[in-house]
Amino acid sequence: MGTVTLGVSIAVPEPYGSLLQERRAGFGDPAAHGIPTHVTLLPPTEVEAARLPAVRTHLAEVAAACRAFPMRLSGTGTFRPLSPVVFVRVVEGAAACSWLQKRVRDTSGPLERELQFPYHPHVTVAHGITEEAMDRAYEELADFEASWTVGSFALYEQGADGVWRKLSEYEFGAGRTAPSVPAQGSPVDEPATSRT
């Protein structure tokens, strides 16, 4: 059956999600349109495809134990020189994200994994591009602000084409799959898919 590459994240809602995705593309990041704007809870993780049902059950249980929380983004930061990344900072909601990502990667669940770096919630807006373009991203988004209430997270799969596609979204409190919504940049009349 093989393996799949999965990720779990909190989507940045519209209009902010598409705006940051377009800005990321404008800075010359070739991955911009293949990665919906998000706060990572589980970085790309290879899992046996046969474990997908267990992953879905686990994520539903994690979501059931969560409550909605406020999220606020403000200004920019960077992981340079350690990692070639410029990001928008999470200034409210970071503790909740940290709690969530620990539950997602819990040693008793199917997504246990060690992280390469300590967890730091953020929204990537430039990755692996020229230093000049990363400087531009850092400066031009320094005044960026966004806030919303987080009520769910989603499971994504990376395709062979490098594009991340949403498999399921999990509402907090119930753990049930949330109604499907159009992906960023998708026409409104294009049906969104959900394989739950």
C-alpha atoms as a PDB file:
ATOM      1  CA  MET A   1       0.000   0.000   0.000  1.00  0.00           C
ATOM      2  CA  GLY A   2       2.997   2.311   0.476  1.00  0.00           C
ATOM      3  CA  THR A   3       3.370   5.526   2.432  1.00  0.00           C
ATOM      4  CA  VAL A   4       1.822   8.985   2.386  1.00  0.00           C
ATOM      5  CA  THR A   5       3.266  12.306   3.529  1.00  0.00           C
ATOM      6  CA  LEU A   6       0.918  13.999   5.973  1.00  0.00           C
ATOM      7  CA  GLY A   7       0.804  17.313   7.794  1.00  0.00           C
ATOM      8  CA  VAL A   8      -1.555  18.828  10.325  1.00  0.00           C
ATOM      9  CA  SER A   9      -2.124  22.557  10.520  1.00  0.00           C
ATOM     10  CA  ILE A  10      -4.402  25.449  11.392  1.00  0.00           C
ATOM     11  CA  ALA A  11      -5.472  27.282   8.243  1.00  0.00           C
ATOM     12  CA  VAL A  12      -5.159  31.061   8.129  1.00  0.00           C
ATOM     13  CA  PRO A  13      -8.687  32.138   7.102  1.00  0.00           C
ATOM     14  CA  GLU A  14      -9.703  34.457   4.304  1.00  0.00           C
ATOM     15  CA  PRO A  15      -8.973  37.113   3.351  1.00  0.00           C
ATOM     16  CA  TYR A  16      -5.631  36.731   5.123  1.00  0.00           C
ATOM     17  CA  GLY A  17      -4.783  33.267   3.775  1.00  0.00           C
ATOM     18  CA  SER A  18      -4.911  34.195   0.101  1.00  0.00           C
ATOM     19  CA  LEU A  19      -3.283  37.565   0.733  1.00  0.00           C
ATOM     20  CA  LEU A  20      -0.245  35.979   2.402  1.00  0.00           C
ATOM     21  CA  GLN A  21      -0.113  33.230  -0.236  1.00  0.00           C
ATOM     22  CA  GLU A  22      -0.020  35.863  -3.009  1.00  0.00           C
ATOM     23  CA  ARG A  23       2.616  37.868  -1.164  1.00  0.00           C
ATOM     24  CA  ARG A  24       4.717  34.704  -0.728  1.00  0.00           C
ATOM     25  CA  ALA A  25       4.479  34.035  -4.464  1.00  0.00           C
ATOM     26  CA  GLY A  26       5.363  37.667  -5.144  1.00  0.00           C
ATOM     27  CA  PHE A  27       8.580  37.291  -3.156  1.00  0.00           C
ATOM     28  CA  GLY A  28       9.551  34.503  -5.573  1.00  0.00           C
ATOM     29  CA  ASP A  29       8.862  31.465  -3.390  1.00  0.00           C
ATOM     30  CA  PRO A  30       8.072  28.664  -5.880  1.00  0.00           C
ATOM     31  CA  ALA A  31       6.250  26.618  -3.216  1.00  0.00           C
ATOM     32  CA  ALA A  32       3.738  29.404  -2.455  1.00  0.00           C
ATOM     33  CA  HIS A  33       0.766  28.062  -4.427  1.00  0.00           C
ATOM     34  CA  GLY A  34       1.318  24.462  -3.318  1.00  0.00           C
ATOM     35  CA  ILE A  35       1.074  25.249   0.391  1.00  0.00           C
ATOM     36  CA  PRO A  36      -2.089  26.781   1.880  1.00  0.00           C
ATOM     37  CA  THR A  37      -1.246  29.525   4.401  1.00  0.00           C
ATOM     38  CA  HIS A  38      -1.123  27.906   7.819  1.00  0.00           C
ATOM     39  CA  VAL A  39       0.307  27.434  11.310  1.00  0.00           C
ATOM     40  CA  THR A  40       1.932  23.993  11.464  1.00  0.00           C
ATOM     41  CA  LEU A  41       0.954  21.498  14.161  1.00  0.00           C
ATOM     42  CA  LEU A  42       2.671  18.495  12.531  1.00  0.00           C
ATOM     43  CA  PRO A  43       5.411  19.044   9.931  1.00  0.00           C
ATOM     44  CA  PRO A  44       5.635  16.771   6.862  1.00  0.00           C
ATOM     45  CA  THR A  45       5.564  13.219   8.222  1.00  0.00           C
ATOM     46  CA  GLU A  46       5.733   9.963   6.263  1.00  0.00           C
ATOM     47  CA  VAL A  47       3.144   7.431   7.443  1.00  0.00           C
ATOM     48  CA  GLU A  48       2.098   4.013   6.194  1.00  0.00           C
ATOM     49  CA  ALA A  49      -1.046   4.538   4.104  1.00  0.00           C
ATOM     50  CA  ALA A  50      -2.733   1.694   6.004  1.00  0.00           C
ATOM     51  CA  ARG A  51      -2.495   3.814   9.179  1.00  0.00           C
ATOM     52  CA  LEU A  52      -4.693   6.610   7.785  1.00  0.00           C
ATOM     53  CA  PRO A  53      -7.853   5.396   9.592  1.00  0.00           C
ATOM     54  CA  ALA A  54      -5.929   5.393  12.895  1.00  0.00           C
ATOM     55  CA  VAL A  55      -4.592   8.878  12.138  1.00  0.00           C
ATOM     56  CA  ARG A  56      -8.112  10.164  11.488  1.00  0.00           C
ATOM     57  CA  THR A  57      -9.439   8.633  14.715  1.00  0.00           C
ATOM     58  CA  HIS A  58      -6.521  10.078  16.689  1.00  0.00           C
ATOM     59  CA  LEU A  59      -7.035  13.585  15.264  1.00  0.00           C
ATOM     60  CA  ALA A  60     -10.777  13.440  15.979  1.00  0.00           C
ATOM     61  CA  GLU A  61      -9.971  12.575  19.619  1.00  0.00           C
ATOM     62  CA  VAL A  62      -7.463  15.439  19.864  1.00  0.00           C
ATOM     63  CA  ALA A  63      -9.991  17.892  18.392  1.00  0.00           C
ATOM     64  CA  ALA A  64     -12.721  16.679  20.757  1.00  0.00           C
ATOM     65  CA  ALA A  65     -10.543  17.703  23.722  1.00  0.00           C
ATOM     66  CA  CYS A  66      -9.970  21.238  22.381  1.00  0.00           C
ATOM     67  CA  ARG A  67     -11.815  24.507  22.795  1.00  0.00           C
ATOM     68  CA  ALA A  68     -11.812  27.430  20.391  1.00  0.00           C
ATOM     69  CA  PHE A  69      -9.102  29.997  21.116  1.00  0.00           C
ATOM     70  CA  PRO A  70      -8.113  33.448  19.825  1.00  0.00           C
ATOM     71  CA  MET A  71      -5.258  33.709  17.333  1.00  0.00           C
ATOM     72  CA  ARG A  72      -3.467  36.916  16.464  1.00  0.00           C
ATOM     73  CA  LEU A  73      -0.682  37.455  13.959  1.00  0.00           C
ATOM     74  CA  SER A  74       1.474  40.568  14.075  1.00  0.00           C
ATOM     75  CA  GLY A  75       4.704  41.555  12.372  1.00  0.00           C
ATOM     76  CA  THR A  76       7.524  39.411  11.064  1.00  0.00           C
ATOM     77  CA  GLY A  77      10.344  37.256  12.328  1.00  0.00           C
ATOM     78  CA  THR A  78      13.016  35.009  10.841  1.00  0.00           C
ATOM     79  CA  PHE A  79      14.835  31.781  11.627  1.00  0.00           C
ATOM     80  CA  ARG A  80      17.911  32.945   9.684  1.00  0.00           C
ATOM     81  CA  PRO A  81      20.759  32.033   9.780  1.00  0.00           C
ATOM     82  CA  LEU A  82      19.688  28.683  11.293  1.00  0.00           C
ATOM     83  CA  SER A  83      16.987  28.140   8.649  1.00  0.00           C
ATOM     84  CA  PRO A  84      16.184  30.239   5.519  1.00  0.00           C
ATOM     85  CA  VAL A  85      12.677  31.257   6.647  1.00  0.00           C
ATOM     86  CA  VAL A  86      10.826  34.543   7.129  1.00  0.00           C
ATOM     87  CA  PHE A  87       7.505  34.315   8.939  1.00  0.00           C
ATOM     88  CA  VAL A  88       4.590  36.267  10.340  1.00  0.00           C
ATOM     89  CA  ARG A  89       4.620  36.018  14.121  1.00  0.00           C
ATOM     90  CA  VAL A  90       1.915  34.367  16.225  1.00  0.00           C
ATOM     91  CA  VAL A  91       1.519  36.819  19.114  1.00  0.00           C
ATOM     92  CA  GLU A  92      -1.659  35.328  20.605  1.00  0.00           C
ATOM     93  CA  GLY A  93      -2.593  31.650  20.555  1.00  0.00           C
ATOM     94  CA  ALA A  94       0.970  30.296  20.669  1.00  0.00           C
ATOM     95  CA  ALA A  95       0.443  28.399  23.933  1.00  0.00           C
ATOM     96  CA  ALA A  96      -2.705  26.745  22.564  1.00  0.00           C
ATOM     97  CA  CYS A  97      -0.849  25.778  19.370  1.00  0.00           C
ATOM     98  CA  SER A  98       1.970  24.301  21.438  1.00  0.00           C
ATOM     99  CA  TRP A  99      -0.494  22.265  23.518  1.00  0.00           C
ATOM    100  CA  LEU A 100      -2.239  21.052  20.358  1.00  0.00           C
ATOM    101  CA  GLN A 101       0.910  19.996  18.504  1.00  0.00           C
ATOM    102  CA  LYS A 102       2.047  17.967  21.533  1.00  0.00           C
ATOM    103  CA  ARG A 103      -1.288  16.092  21.490  1.00  0.00           C
ATOM    104  CA  VAL A 104      -1.069  15.501  17.746  1.00  0.00           C
ATOM    105  CA  ARG A 105       2.452  14.002  18.149  1.00  0.00           C
ATOM    106  CA  ASP A 106       1.628  12.144  21.379  1.00  0.00           C
ATOM    107  CA  THR A 107       3.708   9.019  21.927  1.00  0.00           C
ATOM    108  CA  SER A 108       0.549   6.926  22.286  1.00  0.00           C
ATOM    109  CA  GLY A 109      -0.765   7.960  18.854  1.00  0.00           C
ATOM    110  CA  PRO A 110       0.050   7.111  15.216  1.00  0.00           C
ATOM    111  CA  LEU A 111       1.837  10.436  14.524  1.00  0.00           C
ATOM    112  CA  GLU A 112       4.610  10.224  17.119  1.00  0.00           C
ATOM    113  CA  ARG A 113       7.767  11.933  15.889  1.00  0.00           C
ATOM    114  CA  GLU A 114      10.693  14.015  17.063  1.00  0.00           C
ATOM    115  CA  LEU A 115      11.016  17.576  15.780  1.00  0.00           C
ATOM    116  CA  GLN A 116      14.177  18.849  14.089  1.00  0.00           C
ATOM    117  CA  PHE A 117      13.847  22.186  15.931  1.00  0.00           C
ATOM    118  CA  PRO A 118      11.925  23.228  19.075  1.00  0.00           C
ATOM    119  CA  TYR A 119       8.281  23.992  18.224  1.00  0.00           C
ATOM    120  CA  HIS A 120       7.658  27.665  17.390  1.00  0.00           C
ATOM    121  CA  PRO A 121       4.234  28.482  15.916  1.00  0.00           C
ATOM    122  CA  HIS A 122       4.459  30.845  12.943  1.00  0.00           C
ATOM    123  CA  VAL A 123       3.161  31.487   9.408  1.00  0.00           C
ATOM    124  CA  THR A 124       5.870  31.068   6.766  1.00  0.00           C
ATOM    125  CA  VAL A 125       5.892  33.796   4.103  1.00  0.00           C
ATOM    126  CA  ALA A 126       9.280  33.069   2.494  1.00  0.00           C
ATOM    127  CA  HIS A 127      11.424  29.941   2.462  1.00  0.00           C
ATOM    128  CA  GLY A 128      14.661  29.108   0.700  1.00  0.00           C
ATOM    129  CA  ILE A 129      14.677  32.133  -1.627  1.00  0.00           C
ATOM    130  CA  THR A 130      17.368  34.792  -2.122  1.00  0.00           C
ATOM    131  CA  GLU A 131      18.501  36.799   0.892  1.00  0.00           C
ATOM    132  CA  GLU A 132      17.319  39.986  -0.829  1.00  0.00           C
ATOM    133  CA  ALA A 133      13.818  38.555  -1.353  1.00  0.00           C
ATOM    134  CA  MET A 134      13.694  37.334   2.253  1.00  0.00           C
ATOM    135  CA  ASP A 135      14.717  40.809   3.431  1.00  0.00           C
ATOM    136  CA  ARG A 136      11.860  42.225   1.332  1.00  0.00           C
ATOM    137  CA  ALA A 137       9.359  39.801   2.876  1.00  0.00           C
ATOM    138  CA  TYR A 138      10.580  40.692   6.366  1.00  0.00           C
ATOM    139  CA  GLU A 139      10.271  44.436   5.727  1.00  0.00           C
ATOM    140  CA  GLU A 140       7.085  44.546   3.628  1.00  0.00           C
ATOM    141  CA  LEU A 141       5.015  42.433   6.042  1.00  0.00           C
ATOM    142  CA  ALA A 142       6.368  44.056   9.214  1.00  0.00           C
ATOM    143  CA  ASP A 143       3.033  45.844   9.741  1.00  0.00           C
ATOM    144  CA  PHE A 144       0.846  42.813   8.935  1.00  0.00           C
ATOM    145  CA  GLU A 145      -1.938  42.147  11.461  1.00  0.00           C
ATOM    146  CA  ALA A 146      -4.674  39.499  11.532  1.00  0.00           C
ATOM    147  CA  SER A 147      -6.863  37.959  14.202  1.00  0.00           C
ATOM    148  CA  TRP A 148      -9.588  35.319  14.342  1.00  0.00           C
ATOM    149  CA  THR A 149     -10.971  32.535  16.526  1.00  0.00           C
ATOM    150  CA  VAL A 150      -9.479  29.099  15.832  1.00  0.00           C
ATOM    151  CA  GLY A 151     -12.152  26.403  15.954  1.00  0.00           C
ATOM    152  CA  SER A 152     -10.560  23.555  14.000  1.00  0.00           C
ATOM    153  CA  PHE A 153      -7.429  22.113  12.435  1.00  0.00           C
ATOM    154  CA  ALA A 154      -6.964  20.052   9.288  1.00  0.00           C
ATOM    155  CA  LEU A 155      -5.142  16.998   7.986  1.00  0.00           C
ATOM    156  CA  TYR A 156      -3.278  17.465   4.693  1.00  0.00           C
ATOM    157  CA  GLU A 157      -1.528  15.104   2.285  1.00  0.00           C
ATOM    158  CA  GLN A 158       1.322  16.123   0.012  1.00  0.00           C
ATOM    159  CA  GLY A 159       0.879  14.889  -3.547  1.00  0.00           C
ATOM    160  CA  ALA A 160       3.617  13.662  -5.896  1.00  0.00           C
ATOM    161  CA  ASP A 161       3.449  17.142  -7.458  1.00  0.00           C
ATOM    162  CA  GLY A 162       4.484  18.708  -4.138  1.00  0.00           C
ATOM    163  CA  VAL A 163       1.047  20.285  -3.586  1.00  0.00           C
ATOM    164  CA  TRP A 164      -0.616  19.956  -0.163  1.00  0.00           C
ATOM    165  CA  ARG A 165      -4.305  18.974  -0.304  1.00  0.00           C
ATOM    166  CA  LYS A 166      -6.738  18.930   2.600  1.00  0.00           C
ATOM    167  CA  LEU A 167      -8.079  15.485   3.498  1.00  0.00           C
ATOM    168  CA  SER A 168     -10.218  16.384   6.530  1.00  0.00           C
ATOM    169  CA  GLU A 169     -10.932  19.216   8.912  1.00  0.00           C
ATOM    170  CA  TYR A 170     -11.642  18.564  12.592  1.00  0.00           C
ATOM    171  CA  GLU A 171     -13.875  20.863  14.650  1.00  0.00           C
ATOM    172  CA  PHE A 172     -12.923  21.514  18.245  1.00  0.00           C
ATOM    173  CA  GLY A 173     -15.151  20.165  20.982  1.00  0.00           C
ATOM    174  CA  ALA A 174     -16.846  17.553  18.817  1.00  0.00           C
ATOM    175  CA  GLY A 175     -13.938  15.983  16.957  1.00  0.00           C
ATOM    176  CA  ARG A 176     -16.239  15.547  13.984  1.00  0.00           C
ATOM    177  CA  THR A 177     -15.200  16.407  10.481  1.00  0.00           C
ATOM    178  CA  ALA A 178     -16.092  20.008   9.691  1.00  0.00           C
ATOM    179  CA  PRO A 179     -18.032  21.001   6.566  1.00  0.00           C
ATOM    180  CA  SER A 180     -15.730  21.272   3.578  1.00  0.00           C
ATOM    181  CA  VAL A 181     -14.737  24.751   2.414  1.00  0.00           C
ATOM    182  CA  PRO A 182     -13.109  25.848  -0.845  1.00  0.00           C
ATOM    183  CA  ALA A 183      -9.315  25.787  -0.820  1.00  0.00           C
ATOM    184  CA  GLN A 184      -7.439  29.071  -1.049  1.00  0.00           C
ATOM    185  CA  GLY A 185      -7.410  30.349  -4.582  1.00  0.00           C
ATOM    186  CA  SER A 186     -10.164  27.955  -5.705  1.00  0.00           C
ATOM    187  CA  PRO A 187     -13.211  29.254  -7.537  1.00  0.00           C
ATOM    188  CA  VAL A 188     -16.206  29.338  -5.195  1.00  0.00           C
ATOM    189  CA  ASP A 189     -18.234  27.044  -7.448  1.00  0.00           C
ATOM    190  CA  GLU A 190     -15.502  24.386  -7.521  1.00  0.00           C
ATOM    191  CA  PRO A 191     -16.527  21.540  -5.173  1.00  0.00           C
ATOM    192  CA  ALA A 192     -14.090  20.956  -2.349  1.00  0.00           C
ATOM    193  CA  THR A 193     -13.303  17.328  -1.655  1.00  0.00           C
ATOM    194  CA  SER A 194     -13.294  15.549   1.662  1.00  0.00           C
ATOM    195  CA  ARG A 195     -12.298  11.923   2.088  1.00  0.00           C
ATOM    196  CA  THR A 196     -13.694  11.146   5.497  1.00  0.00           C
END
